[in-house]
């Protein structure tokens, strides 16, 4: 009975979180991120302001609500690499899979949402911060995967190159979205360009952090 009660409680929390997120997104797209207040979001979702901030400590998290998955994404792809697969190959495969799925974590967010981010200094800064966090998480994961000694710059250098490639391709998806291309066209273009980008990294990183 206790397990069932806990399950219902967690389900209710997920529903409330999603309700708040949905109303926030609607208001952000209608009014702009900077112009929308937490009070307005709480009123729209029919919850207290404190409830909103309990679920989303930062206003930016209401707009970029996949931020935890985003930050962990590259390190997760590294952890899931197959035997004999390098870090570069694993991350390349994961990115192309995300492009094929037109995943919002890869940058597919639609013209209205992309424009909202582009026009908001706060969200633009937050996105840069999330890219930095993602790169640092990858550097830590690479250090652990390769057994690098403390202070070794190699994992950070590799993460900088791999993170930079993903940052560039994310921005490219946003650029094409804002230029008016549909997701199918963007996926086709970016998949081709991703091969070019990752090919450039192959000579330096093709044999790095290969899974045993």
N, C-alpha and C. Protein backbone atom coordinates (compact mmCIF):
# COMPACT_ATOMS: atom_id res chain seq x y z
N UNK A 1 0.83 -1.21 0.00
CA UNK A 1 0.00 0.00 0.00
C UNK A 1 0.87 1.26 0.00
N UNK A 2 1.97 1.20 0.79
CA UNK A 2 2.88 2.35 0.86
C UNK A 2 3.54 2.60 -0.49
N UNK A 3 3.91 1.51 -1.17
CA UNK A 3 4.54 1.63 -2.48
C UNK A 3 3.57 2.26 -3.48
N UNK A 4 2.32 1.82 -3.42
CA UNK A 4 1.29 2.36 -4.31
C UNK A 4 1.07 3.85 -4.05
N UNK A 5 1.03 4.23 -2.76
CA UNK A 5 0.85 5.63 -2.39
C UNK A 5 2.02 6.48 -2.89
N UNK A 6 3.24 5.95 -2.73
CA UNK A 6 4.43 6.66 -3.22
C UNK A 6 4.38 6.83 -4.73
N UNK A 7 3.95 5.79 -5.41
CA UNK A 7 3.84 5.86 -6.87
C UNK A 7 2.85 6.90 -7.32
N UNK A 8 1.71 6.98 -6.64
CA UNK A 8 0.70 7.98 -6.97
C UNK A 8 1.22 9.39 -6.71
N UNK A 9 1.96 9.53 -5.60
CA UNK A 9 2.51 10.84 -5.26
C UNK A 9 3.51 11.30 -6.32
N UNK A 10 4.38 10.39 -6.74
CA UNK A 10 5.37 10.74 -7.77
C UNK A 10 4.70 11.05 -9.10
N UNK A 11 3.64 10.31 -9.42
CA UNK A 11 2.90 10.56 -10.66
C UNK A 11 2.27 11.94 -10.62
N UNK A 12 1.72 12.31 -9.47
CA UNK A 12 1.10 13.63 -9.31
C UNK A 12 2.14 14.74 -9.45
N UNK A 13 3.33 14.51 -8.91
CA UNK A 13 4.41 15.50 -9.03
C UNK A 13 4.80 15.70 -10.49
N UNK A 14 4.91 14.59 -11.22
CA UNK A 14 5.26 14.69 -12.65
C UNK A 14 4.20 15.45 -13.42
N UNK A 15 2.93 15.17 -13.10
CA UNK A 15 1.83 15.86 -13.78
C UNK A 15 1.85 17.36 -13.48
N UNK A 16 2.10 17.70 -12.22
CA UNK A 16 2.16 19.12 -11.84
C UNK A 16 3.32 19.82 -12.52
N UNK A 17 4.46 19.16 -12.54
CA UNK A 17 5.64 19.73 -13.20
C UNK A 17 5.37 19.99 -14.67
N UNK A 18 4.75 19.00 -15.34
CA UNK A 18 4.46 19.14 -16.76
C UNK A 18 3.43 20.23 -17.00
N UNK A 19 2.44 20.34 -16.12
CA UNK A 19 1.41 21.38 -16.23
C UNK A 19 2.05 22.77 -16.16
N UNK A 20 2.93 22.95 -15.18
CA UNK A 20 3.60 24.24 -15.04
C UNK A 20 4.45 24.54 -16.26
N UNK A 21 5.19 23.55 -16.71
CA UNK A 21 6.06 23.72 -17.88
C UNK A 21 5.26 24.08 -19.12
N UNK A 22 4.13 23.42 -19.33
CA UNK A 22 3.30 23.68 -20.51
C UNK A 22 2.76 25.11 -20.49
N UNK A 23 2.27 25.55 -19.34
CA UNK A 23 1.74 26.91 -19.24
C UNK A 23 2.85 27.95 -19.40
N UNK A 24 4.01 27.66 -18.84
CA UNK A 24 5.14 28.58 -18.98
C UNK A 24 5.55 28.72 -20.44
N UNK A 25 5.65 27.61 -21.14
CA UNK A 25 6.03 27.66 -22.55
C UNK A 25 5.02 28.46 -23.36
N UNK A 26 3.74 28.23 -23.09
CA UNK A 26 2.70 28.96 -23.82
C UNK A 26 2.83 30.47 -23.59
N UNK A 27 3.05 30.86 -22.36
CA UNK A 27 3.18 32.29 -22.05
C UNK A 27 4.47 32.88 -22.61
N UNK A 28 5.54 32.12 -22.55
CA UNK A 28 6.82 32.60 -23.10
C UNK A 28 6.69 32.87 -24.60
N UNK A 29 6.05 31.95 -25.30
CA UNK A 29 5.90 32.10 -26.74
C UNK A 29 4.96 33.26 -27.09
N UNK A 30 3.97 33.47 -26.26
CA UNK A 30 2.99 34.54 -26.51
C UNK A 30 3.54 35.92 -26.15
N UNK A 31 4.22 36.01 -25.00
CA UNK A 31 4.61 37.31 -24.46
C UNK A 31 6.10 37.60 -24.54
N UNK A 32 6.91 36.53 -24.72
CA UNK A 32 8.35 36.66 -24.63
C UNK A 32 8.83 36.22 -23.26
N UNK A 33 10.03 35.65 -23.22
CA UNK A 33 10.56 35.12 -21.96
C UNK A 33 10.78 36.22 -20.93
N UNK A 34 11.43 37.28 -21.35
CA UNK A 34 11.79 38.35 -20.41
C UNK A 34 10.54 39.03 -19.83
N UNK A 35 9.47 39.09 -20.61
CA UNK A 35 8.27 39.81 -20.20
C UNK A 35 7.35 39.00 -19.29
N UNK A 36 7.53 37.68 -19.26
CA UNK A 36 6.64 36.81 -18.50
C UNK A 36 7.15 36.64 -17.07
N UNK A 37 6.25 36.74 -16.11
CA UNK A 37 6.64 36.62 -14.70
C UNK A 37 6.25 35.26 -14.14
N UNK A 38 6.93 34.91 -13.05
CA UNK A 38 6.59 33.67 -12.33
C UNK A 38 5.15 33.73 -11.82
N UNK A 39 4.74 34.90 -11.39
CA UNK A 39 3.36 35.05 -10.90
C UNK A 39 2.35 34.73 -11.99
N UNK A 40 2.60 35.17 -13.19
CA UNK A 40 1.69 34.88 -14.31
C UNK A 40 1.65 33.39 -14.61
N UNK A 41 2.80 32.76 -14.55
CA UNK A 41 2.86 31.31 -14.80
C UNK A 41 2.10 30.55 -13.72
N UNK A 42 2.30 30.96 -12.47
CA UNK A 42 1.59 30.31 -11.36
C UNK A 42 0.08 30.48 -11.50
N UNK A 43 -0.36 31.67 -11.87
CA UNK A 43 -1.79 31.92 -12.03
C UNK A 43 -2.36 31.07 -13.16
N UNK A 44 -1.62 30.97 -14.26
CA UNK A 44 -2.10 30.17 -15.40
C UNK A 44 -2.21 28.69 -15.05
N UNK A 45 -1.25 28.20 -14.25
CA UNK A 45 -1.25 26.79 -13.86
C UNK A 45 -2.10 26.51 -12.63
N UNK A 46 -2.60 27.60 -12.01
CA UNK A 46 -3.43 27.51 -10.80
C UNK A 46 -2.68 26.83 -9.66
N UNK A 47 -1.44 27.29 -9.47
CA UNK A 47 -0.63 26.83 -8.34
C UNK A 47 -0.01 28.06 -7.68
N UNK A 48 0.58 27.88 -6.52
CA UNK A 48 1.25 28.98 -5.83
C UNK A 48 2.60 29.28 -6.50
N UNK A 49 3.06 30.52 -6.36
CA UNK A 49 4.38 30.88 -6.89
C UNK A 49 5.46 29.97 -6.30
N UNK A 50 5.33 29.65 -5.03
CA UNK A 50 6.31 28.78 -4.37
C UNK A 50 6.35 27.40 -5.02
N UNK A 51 5.20 26.93 -5.47
CA UNK A 51 5.16 25.63 -6.15
C UNK A 51 5.97 25.68 -7.44
N UNK A 52 5.82 26.77 -8.18
CA UNK A 52 6.58 26.92 -9.43
C UNK A 52 8.07 26.88 -9.13
N UNK A 53 8.52 27.65 -8.15
CA UNK A 53 9.96 27.71 -7.87
C UNK A 53 10.48 26.45 -7.20
N UNK A 54 9.61 25.69 -6.55
CA UNK A 54 10.03 24.39 -6.01
C UNK A 54 10.37 23.42 -7.12
N UNK A 55 9.58 23.45 -8.17
CA UNK A 55 9.83 22.56 -9.31
C UNK A 55 10.90 23.12 -10.25
N UNK A 56 10.95 24.43 -10.37
CA UNK A 56 11.88 25.08 -11.29
C UNK A 56 12.57 26.24 -10.55
N UNK A 57 13.70 25.97 -9.89
CA UNK A 57 14.37 27.01 -9.10
C UNK A 57 14.77 28.25 -9.90
N UNK A 58 15.05 28.07 -11.18
CA UNK A 58 15.40 29.19 -12.04
C UNK A 58 14.33 29.36 -13.11
N UNK A 59 14.04 30.60 -13.41
CA UNK A 59 13.05 30.87 -14.45
C UNK A 59 13.48 30.26 -15.79
N UNK A 60 14.79 30.28 -16.06
CA UNK A 60 15.30 29.72 -17.32
C UNK A 60 14.99 28.23 -17.45
N UNK A 61 14.92 27.54 -16.30
CA UNK A 61 14.64 26.10 -16.33
C UNK A 61 13.23 25.80 -16.84
N UNK A 62 12.33 26.77 -16.71
CA UNK A 62 10.98 26.60 -17.24
C UNK A 62 10.99 26.57 -18.76
N UNK A 63 11.92 27.30 -19.36
CA UNK A 63 12.01 27.32 -20.82
C UNK A 63 12.88 26.18 -21.33
N UNK A 64 14.00 25.96 -20.64
CA UNK A 64 14.96 24.93 -21.06
C UNK A 64 14.81 23.74 -20.13
N UNK A 65 13.64 23.11 -20.17
CA UNK A 65 13.33 22.09 -19.17
C UNK A 65 13.95 20.74 -19.46
N UNK A 66 14.71 20.62 -20.56
CA UNK A 66 15.47 19.39 -20.81
C UNK A 66 16.93 19.57 -20.38
N UNK A 67 17.20 20.57 -19.54
CA UNK A 67 18.59 20.94 -19.27
C UNK A 67 19.40 19.81 -18.62
N UNK A 68 18.78 19.02 -17.75
CA UNK A 68 19.53 17.95 -17.10
C UNK A 68 19.93 16.87 -18.11
N UNK A 69 19.01 16.51 -18.98
CA UNK A 69 19.32 15.54 -20.03
C UNK A 69 20.37 16.09 -20.97
N UNK A 70 20.27 17.37 -21.29
CA UNK A 70 21.23 18.03 -22.18
C UNK A 70 22.63 17.99 -21.58
N UNK A 71 22.78 18.39 -20.33
CA UNK A 71 24.10 18.44 -19.69
C UNK A 71 24.73 17.06 -19.62
N UNK A 72 23.93 16.05 -19.34
CA UNK A 72 24.46 14.69 -19.19
C UNK A 72 24.64 13.96 -20.51
N UNK A 73 24.15 14.53 -21.61
CA UNK A 73 24.05 13.80 -22.87
C UNK A 73 25.34 13.24 -23.42
N UNK A 74 26.40 14.05 -23.48
CA UNK A 74 27.66 13.59 -24.07
C UNK A 74 28.32 12.54 -23.19
N UNK A 75 28.31 12.76 -21.89
CA UNK A 75 28.88 11.77 -20.97
C UNK A 75 28.10 10.46 -21.03
N UNK A 76 26.79 10.55 -21.20
CA UNK A 76 25.97 9.33 -21.31
C UNK A 76 26.30 8.56 -22.58
N UNK A 77 26.50 9.29 -23.68
CA UNK A 77 26.86 8.64 -24.95
C UNK A 77 28.21 7.94 -24.81
N UNK A 78 29.13 8.55 -24.09
CA UNK A 78 30.44 7.94 -23.86
C UNK A 78 30.28 6.64 -23.07
N UNK A 79 29.47 6.68 -22.03
CA UNK A 79 29.27 5.51 -21.17
C UNK A 79 28.64 4.35 -21.93
N UNK A 80 27.88 4.66 -22.98
CA UNK A 80 27.16 3.62 -23.71
C UNK A 80 27.90 3.12 -24.94
N UNK A 81 29.17 3.55 -25.11
CA UNK A 81 29.90 3.11 -26.31
C UNK A 81 30.13 1.60 -26.26
N UNK A 82 30.16 1.00 -27.43
CA UNK A 82 30.34 -0.45 -27.56
C UNK A 82 31.82 -0.80 -27.46
N UNK A 83 32.10 -2.08 -27.23
CA UNK A 83 33.49 -2.54 -27.18
C UNK A 83 34.18 -2.22 -28.51
N UNK A 84 35.36 -1.64 -28.42
CA UNK A 84 36.10 -1.28 -29.61
C UNK A 84 35.72 0.07 -30.20
N UNK A 85 34.75 0.74 -29.59
CA UNK A 85 34.27 2.02 -30.11
C UNK A 85 34.94 3.16 -29.36
N UNK A 86 35.44 4.15 -30.10
CA UNK A 86 36.08 5.30 -29.49
C UNK A 86 35.04 6.30 -28.98
N UNK A 87 35.51 7.25 -28.18
CA UNK A 87 34.62 8.31 -27.72
C UNK A 87 34.03 9.07 -28.90
N UNK A 88 34.87 9.40 -29.87
CA UNK A 88 34.41 10.13 -31.05
C UNK A 88 33.34 9.36 -31.79
N UNK A 89 33.56 8.08 -32.02
CA UNK A 89 32.59 7.27 -32.76
C UNK A 89 31.27 7.18 -32.00
N UNK A 90 31.34 7.02 -30.69
CA UNK A 90 30.12 6.90 -29.89
C UNK A 90 29.32 8.20 -29.91
N UNK A 91 30.02 9.32 -29.76
CA UNK A 91 29.33 10.61 -29.75
C UNK A 91 28.78 10.95 -31.13
N UNK A 92 29.51 10.59 -32.15
CA UNK A 92 29.05 10.81 -33.52
C UNK A 92 27.77 10.02 -33.76
N UNK A 93 27.78 8.76 -33.37
CA UNK A 93 26.61 7.90 -33.56
C UNK A 93 25.40 8.45 -32.80
N UNK A 94 25.63 8.85 -31.55
CA UNK A 94 24.53 9.37 -30.73
C UNK A 94 23.96 10.66 -31.32
N UNK A 95 24.84 11.53 -31.84
CA UNK A 95 24.35 12.78 -32.41
C UNK A 95 23.52 12.51 -33.67
N UNK A 96 24.00 11.63 -34.53
CA UNK A 96 23.26 11.34 -35.76
C UNK A 96 21.92 10.67 -35.44
N UNK A 97 21.88 9.86 -34.39
CA UNK A 97 20.61 9.28 -33.95
C UNK A 97 19.65 10.38 -33.51
N UNK A 98 20.17 11.35 -32.76
CA UNK A 98 19.34 12.45 -32.28
C UNK A 98 18.83 13.30 -33.44
N UNK A 99 19.66 13.50 -34.44
CA UNK A 99 19.23 14.23 -35.64
C UNK A 99 18.13 13.46 -36.36
N UNK A 100 18.30 12.15 -36.47
CA UNK A 100 17.28 11.33 -37.11
C UNK A 100 15.96 11.38 -36.38
N UNK A 101 16.02 11.51 -35.06
CA UNK A 101 14.80 11.61 -34.24
C UNK A 101 14.27 13.05 -34.16
N UNK A 102 15.06 14.00 -34.69
CA UNK A 102 14.74 15.43 -34.60
C UNK A 102 14.49 15.81 -33.14
N UNK A 103 15.44 15.42 -32.30
CA UNK A 103 15.32 15.60 -30.86
C UNK A 103 15.50 17.06 -30.45
N UNK A 104 14.68 17.54 -29.53
CA UNK A 104 14.86 18.91 -29.02
C UNK A 104 16.20 19.07 -28.30
N UNK A 105 16.73 18.00 -27.73
CA UNK A 105 18.02 18.09 -27.04
C UNK A 105 19.14 18.38 -28.03
N UNK A 106 18.98 17.95 -29.28
CA UNK A 106 19.97 18.25 -30.32
C UNK A 106 19.81 19.65 -30.88
N UNK A 107 18.64 20.28 -30.63
CA UNK A 107 18.41 21.63 -31.11
C UNK A 107 17.14 21.82 -31.91
N UNK A 108 16.40 20.75 -32.15
CA UNK A 108 15.15 20.85 -32.92
C UNK A 108 14.03 21.32 -31.99
N UNK A 109 13.75 22.60 -32.04
CA UNK A 109 12.75 23.15 -31.11
C UNK A 109 11.66 23.96 -31.80
N UNK A 110 11.70 24.04 -33.13
CA UNK A 110 10.67 24.79 -33.85
C UNK A 110 11.00 26.27 -33.93
N UNK A 111 10.44 26.96 -34.93
CA UNK A 111 10.79 28.37 -35.15
C UNK A 111 10.41 29.30 -34.02
N UNK A 112 9.24 29.12 -33.43
CA UNK A 112 8.81 30.03 -32.37
C UNK A 112 9.70 29.92 -31.13
N UNK A 113 10.01 28.69 -30.75
CA UNK A 113 10.84 28.48 -29.58
C UNK A 113 12.27 28.94 -29.84
N UNK A 114 12.78 28.63 -31.02
CA UNK A 114 14.14 29.07 -31.37
C UNK A 114 14.24 30.58 -31.37
N UNK A 115 13.21 31.24 -31.88
CA UNK A 115 13.20 32.71 -31.91
C UNK A 115 13.15 33.27 -30.49
N UNK A 116 12.38 32.63 -29.63
CA UNK A 116 12.30 33.07 -28.24
C UNK A 116 13.67 33.05 -27.58
N UNK A 117 14.42 31.97 -27.78
CA UNK A 117 15.76 31.87 -27.21
C UNK A 117 16.68 32.93 -27.82
N UNK A 118 16.61 33.05 -29.13
CA UNK A 118 17.47 34.00 -29.85
C UNK A 118 17.25 35.43 -29.38
N UNK A 119 16.03 35.76 -29.04
CA UNK A 119 15.68 37.13 -28.66
C UNK A 119 15.83 37.41 -27.17
N UNK A 120 16.19 36.39 -26.39
CA UNK A 120 16.30 36.57 -24.94
C UNK A 120 17.77 36.51 -24.51
N UNK A 121 18.32 37.61 -24.03
CA UNK A 121 19.71 37.58 -23.52
C UNK A 121 19.88 36.59 -22.37
N UNK A 122 18.85 36.47 -21.54
CA UNK A 122 18.93 35.57 -20.40
C UNK A 122 19.02 34.12 -20.85
N UNK A 123 18.17 33.72 -21.79
CA UNK A 123 18.19 32.34 -22.27
C UNK A 123 19.43 32.04 -23.09
N UNK A 124 19.90 33.01 -23.85
CA UNK A 124 21.12 32.82 -24.64
C UNK A 124 22.31 32.57 -23.71
N UNK A 125 22.39 33.35 -22.63
CA UNK A 125 23.46 33.16 -21.65
C UNK A 125 23.33 31.82 -20.94
N UNK A 126 22.11 31.45 -20.59
CA UNK A 126 21.89 30.18 -19.92
C UNK A 126 22.26 29.01 -20.83
N UNK A 127 21.96 29.11 -22.09
CA UNK A 127 22.31 28.04 -23.03
C UNK A 127 23.82 27.89 -23.14
N UNK A 128 24.55 29.01 -23.17
CA UNK A 128 26.01 28.94 -23.18
C UNK A 128 26.52 28.22 -21.94
N UNK A 129 25.92 28.54 -20.80
CA UNK A 129 26.30 27.90 -19.55
C UNK A 129 26.04 26.40 -19.58
N UNK A 130 24.93 25.99 -20.15
CA UNK A 130 24.61 24.57 -20.25
C UNK A 130 25.58 23.85 -21.17
N UNK A 131 25.98 24.49 -22.25
CA UNK A 131 27.01 23.91 -23.13
C UNK A 131 28.32 23.72 -22.35
N UNK A 132 28.68 24.70 -21.54
CA UNK A 132 29.91 24.60 -20.74
C UNK A 132 29.80 23.46 -19.73
N UNK A 133 28.64 23.34 -19.10
CA UNK A 133 28.44 22.26 -18.13
C UNK A 133 28.52 20.90 -18.81
N UNK A 134 27.95 20.81 -19.99
CA UNK A 134 27.96 19.55 -20.73
C UNK A 134 29.39 19.15 -21.09
N UNK A 135 30.18 20.14 -21.52
CA UNK A 135 31.57 19.88 -21.86
C UNK A 135 32.37 19.42 -20.64
N UNK A 136 32.13 20.06 -19.49
CA UNK A 136 32.83 19.68 -18.27
C UNK A 136 32.45 18.27 -17.83
N UNK A 137 31.16 17.92 -17.95
CA UNK A 137 30.72 16.57 -17.60
C UNK A 137 31.39 15.54 -18.50
N UNK A 138 31.56 15.88 -19.77
CA UNK A 138 32.24 14.96 -20.69
C UNK A 138 33.72 14.84 -20.31
N UNK A 139 34.37 15.95 -19.97
CA UNK A 139 35.77 15.91 -19.57
C UNK A 139 35.96 15.00 -18.36
N UNK A 140 35.08 15.12 -17.38
CA UNK A 140 35.16 14.27 -16.19
C UNK A 140 34.97 12.79 -16.56
N UNK A 141 34.02 12.53 -17.44
CA UNK A 141 33.75 11.15 -17.86
C UNK A 141 34.93 10.58 -18.65
N UNK A 142 35.55 11.40 -19.49
CA UNK A 142 36.71 10.94 -20.26
C UNK A 142 37.89 10.65 -19.34
N UNK A 143 38.09 11.49 -18.34
CA UNK A 143 39.17 11.27 -17.39
C UNK A 143 38.99 9.94 -16.67
N UNK A 144 37.75 9.66 -16.26
CA UNK A 144 37.46 8.41 -15.57
C UNK A 144 37.61 7.21 -16.51
N UNK A 145 37.15 7.37 -17.75
CA UNK A 145 37.17 6.26 -18.70
C UNK A 145 38.59 5.89 -19.12
N UNK A 146 39.48 6.87 -19.16
CA UNK A 146 40.85 6.62 -19.61
C UNK A 146 41.84 6.46 -18.47
N UNK A 147 41.37 6.65 -17.24
CA UNK A 147 42.27 6.55 -16.10
C UNK A 147 43.32 7.64 -16.10
N UNK A 148 42.96 8.81 -16.60
CA UNK A 148 43.92 9.91 -16.68
C UNK A 148 44.32 10.37 -15.28
N UNK A 149 45.62 10.65 -15.08
CA UNK A 149 46.05 11.14 -13.76
C UNK A 149 45.51 12.53 -13.49
N UNK A 150 45.41 12.88 -12.23
CA UNK A 150 44.92 14.20 -11.84
C UNK A 150 45.79 15.28 -12.49
N UNK A 151 45.13 16.28 -13.05
CA UNK A 151 45.86 17.37 -13.68
C UNK A 151 46.18 17.15 -15.14
N UNK A 152 45.93 15.95 -15.67
CA UNK A 152 46.18 15.68 -17.09
C UNK A 152 45.20 16.50 -17.93
N UNK A 153 45.72 17.26 -18.86
CA UNK A 153 44.87 18.14 -19.67
C UNK A 153 44.21 17.41 -20.83
N UNK A 154 44.63 16.18 -21.11
CA UNK A 154 44.13 15.47 -22.29
C UNK A 154 42.61 15.31 -22.30
N UNK A 155 41.98 14.85 -21.21
CA UNK A 155 40.51 14.72 -21.25
C UNK A 155 39.82 16.06 -21.50
N UNK A 156 40.35 17.12 -20.92
CA UNK A 156 39.75 18.45 -21.13
C UNK A 156 39.91 18.89 -22.57
N UNK A 157 41.08 18.60 -23.16
CA UNK A 157 41.31 18.98 -24.55
C UNK A 157 40.37 18.22 -25.48
N UNK A 158 40.22 16.92 -25.22
CA UNK A 158 39.33 16.10 -26.05
C UNK A 158 37.88 16.56 -25.89
N UNK A 159 37.47 16.85 -24.64
CA UNK A 159 36.11 17.30 -24.39
C UNK A 159 35.86 18.65 -25.04
N UNK A 160 36.87 19.51 -25.06
CA UNK A 160 36.72 20.81 -25.70
C UNK A 160 36.44 20.67 -27.19
N UNK A 161 37.16 19.75 -27.83
CA UNK A 161 36.96 19.54 -29.26
C UNK A 161 35.61 18.88 -29.56
N UNK A 162 35.28 17.87 -28.78
CA UNK A 162 34.01 17.17 -28.99
C UNK A 162 32.82 18.05 -28.60
N UNK A 163 32.96 18.76 -27.48
CA UNK A 163 31.90 19.67 -27.07
C UNK A 163 31.72 20.81 -28.04
N UNK A 164 32.85 21.32 -28.57
CA UNK A 164 32.79 22.40 -29.56
C UNK A 164 32.06 21.98 -30.82
N UNK A 165 32.29 20.73 -31.25
CA UNK A 165 31.60 20.22 -32.43
C UNK A 165 30.10 20.17 -32.20
N UNK A 166 29.70 19.69 -31.03
CA UNK A 166 28.27 19.62 -30.72
C UNK A 166 27.66 21.01 -30.56
N UNK A 167 28.41 21.92 -29.99
CA UNK A 167 27.93 23.29 -29.84
C UNK A 167 27.69 23.92 -31.21
N UNK A 168 28.63 23.72 -32.12
CA UNK A 168 28.51 24.25 -33.48
C UNK A 168 27.29 23.67 -34.19
N UNK A 169 27.09 22.37 -34.07
CA UNK A 169 25.99 21.72 -34.77
C UNK A 169 24.64 22.10 -34.16
N UNK A 170 24.59 22.27 -32.84
CA UNK A 170 23.38 22.77 -32.20
C UNK A 170 23.02 24.14 -32.74
N UNK A 171 24.03 25.01 -32.82
CA UNK A 171 23.81 26.37 -33.33
C UNK A 171 23.37 26.32 -34.79
N UNK A 172 23.92 25.39 -35.54
CA UNK A 172 23.55 25.25 -36.95
C UNK A 172 22.08 24.88 -37.10
N UNK A 173 21.61 23.98 -36.26
CA UNK A 173 20.19 23.60 -36.30
C UNK A 173 19.32 24.82 -35.99
N UNK A 174 19.73 25.61 -35.00
CA UNK A 174 18.99 26.81 -34.66
C UNK A 174 18.98 27.82 -35.83
N UNK A 175 20.13 27.99 -36.47
CA UNK A 175 20.23 28.92 -37.61
C UNK A 175 19.29 28.51 -38.74
N UNK A 176 19.29 27.23 -39.06
CA UNK A 176 18.45 26.75 -40.15
C UNK A 176 16.97 26.84 -39.79
N UNK A 177 16.67 26.62 -38.52
CA UNK A 177 15.28 26.76 -38.05
C UNK A 177 14.81 28.20 -38.22
N UNK A 178 15.64 29.14 -37.77
CA UNK A 178 15.28 30.56 -37.86
C UNK A 178 15.23 31.04 -39.31
N UNK A 179 15.94 30.35 -40.19
CA UNK A 179 15.92 30.70 -41.62
C UNK A 179 14.67 30.19 -42.31
N UNK A 180 13.85 29.41 -41.59
CA UNK A 180 12.57 28.98 -42.14
C UNK A 180 12.53 27.58 -42.72
N UNK A 181 13.59 26.80 -42.55
CA UNK A 181 13.60 25.43 -43.07
C UNK A 181 12.81 24.49 -42.15
N UNK A 182 12.17 23.49 -42.72
CA UNK A 182 11.45 22.54 -41.88
C UNK A 182 12.42 21.51 -41.31
N UNK A 183 11.95 20.74 -40.33
CA UNK A 183 12.84 19.81 -39.62
C UNK A 183 13.43 18.75 -40.53
N UNK A 184 12.66 18.27 -41.49
CA UNK A 184 13.17 17.24 -42.39
C UNK A 184 14.36 17.77 -43.19
N UNK A 185 14.23 18.99 -43.70
CA UNK A 185 15.32 19.60 -44.45
C UNK A 185 16.53 19.86 -43.55
N UNK A 186 16.28 20.35 -42.34
CA UNK A 186 17.37 20.62 -41.40
C UNK A 186 18.11 19.33 -41.06
N UNK A 187 17.37 18.27 -40.80
CA UNK A 187 17.99 16.99 -40.45
C UNK A 187 18.88 16.49 -41.58
N UNK A 188 18.42 16.65 -42.82
CA UNK A 188 19.20 16.21 -43.97
C UNK A 188 20.51 17.00 -44.09
N UNK A 189 20.41 18.33 -43.95
CA UNK A 189 21.58 19.19 -44.07
C UNK A 189 22.56 18.93 -42.93
N UNK A 190 22.05 18.89 -41.71
CA UNK A 190 22.92 18.77 -40.54
C UNK A 190 23.57 17.39 -40.45
N UNK A 191 22.89 16.35 -40.87
CA UNK A 191 23.51 15.01 -40.88
C UNK A 191 24.72 15.00 -41.80
N UNK A 192 24.59 15.65 -42.94
CA UNK A 192 25.70 15.72 -43.89
C UNK A 192 26.84 16.58 -43.32
N UNK A 193 26.49 17.70 -42.73
CA UNK A 193 27.51 18.59 -42.16
C UNK A 193 28.17 17.97 -40.93
N UNK A 194 27.41 17.20 -40.16
CA UNK A 194 27.98 16.53 -38.99
C UNK A 194 29.08 15.56 -39.41
N UNK A 195 28.87 14.87 -40.52
CA UNK A 195 29.92 13.98 -41.01
C UNK A 195 31.19 14.75 -41.32
N UNK A 196 31.04 15.93 -41.90
CA UNK A 196 32.21 16.76 -42.19
C UNK A 196 32.92 17.17 -40.90
N UNK A 197 32.14 17.59 -39.92
CA UNK A 197 32.70 18.06 -38.66
C UNK A 197 33.43 16.93 -37.93
N UNK A 198 32.78 15.78 -37.81
CA UNK A 198 33.39 14.67 -37.08
C UNK A 198 34.57 14.08 -37.85
N UNK A 199 34.52 14.12 -39.18
CA UNK A 199 35.66 13.66 -39.97
C UNK A 199 36.91 14.48 -39.66
N UNK A 200 36.73 15.78 -39.43
CA UNK A 200 37.87 16.64 -39.11
C UNK A 200 38.53 16.24 -37.78
N UNK A 201 37.75 15.68 -36.88
CA UNK A 201 38.27 15.28 -35.58
C UNK A 201 38.90 13.89 -35.59
N UNK A 202 38.61 13.13 -36.62
CA UNK A 202 39.04 11.73 -36.67
C UNK A 202 40.55 11.55 -36.53
N UNK A 203 41.38 12.34 -37.23
CA UNK A 203 42.83 12.12 -37.09
C UNK A 203 43.34 12.29 -35.66
N UNK A 204 42.75 13.22 -34.91
CA UNK A 204 43.22 13.47 -33.55
C UNK A 204 42.58 12.57 -32.52
N UNK A 205 41.31 12.22 -32.69
CA UNK A 205 40.57 11.55 -31.63
C UNK A 205 40.05 10.17 -32.01
N UNK A 206 40.31 9.73 -33.23
CA UNK A 206 39.75 8.45 -33.68
C UNK A 206 40.16 7.26 -32.83
N UNK A 207 41.30 7.35 -32.18
CA UNK A 207 41.76 6.23 -31.34
C UNK A 207 41.75 6.53 -29.86
N UNK A 208 41.05 7.59 -29.47
CA UNK A 208 41.05 8.02 -28.07
C UNK A 208 39.85 7.45 -27.32
N UNK A 209 40.10 7.01 -26.09
CA UNK A 209 39.05 6.49 -25.19
C UNK A 209 38.25 5.39 -25.88
N UNK A 210 38.96 4.40 -26.41
CA UNK A 210 38.32 3.25 -27.04
C UNK A 210 37.88 2.28 -25.94
N UNK A 211 36.64 1.85 -25.99
CA UNK A 211 36.12 0.94 -24.96
C UNK A 211 36.72 -0.44 -25.14
N UNK A 212 37.07 -1.07 -24.03
CA UNK A 212 37.67 -2.40 -24.08
C UNK A 212 36.58 -3.48 -24.16
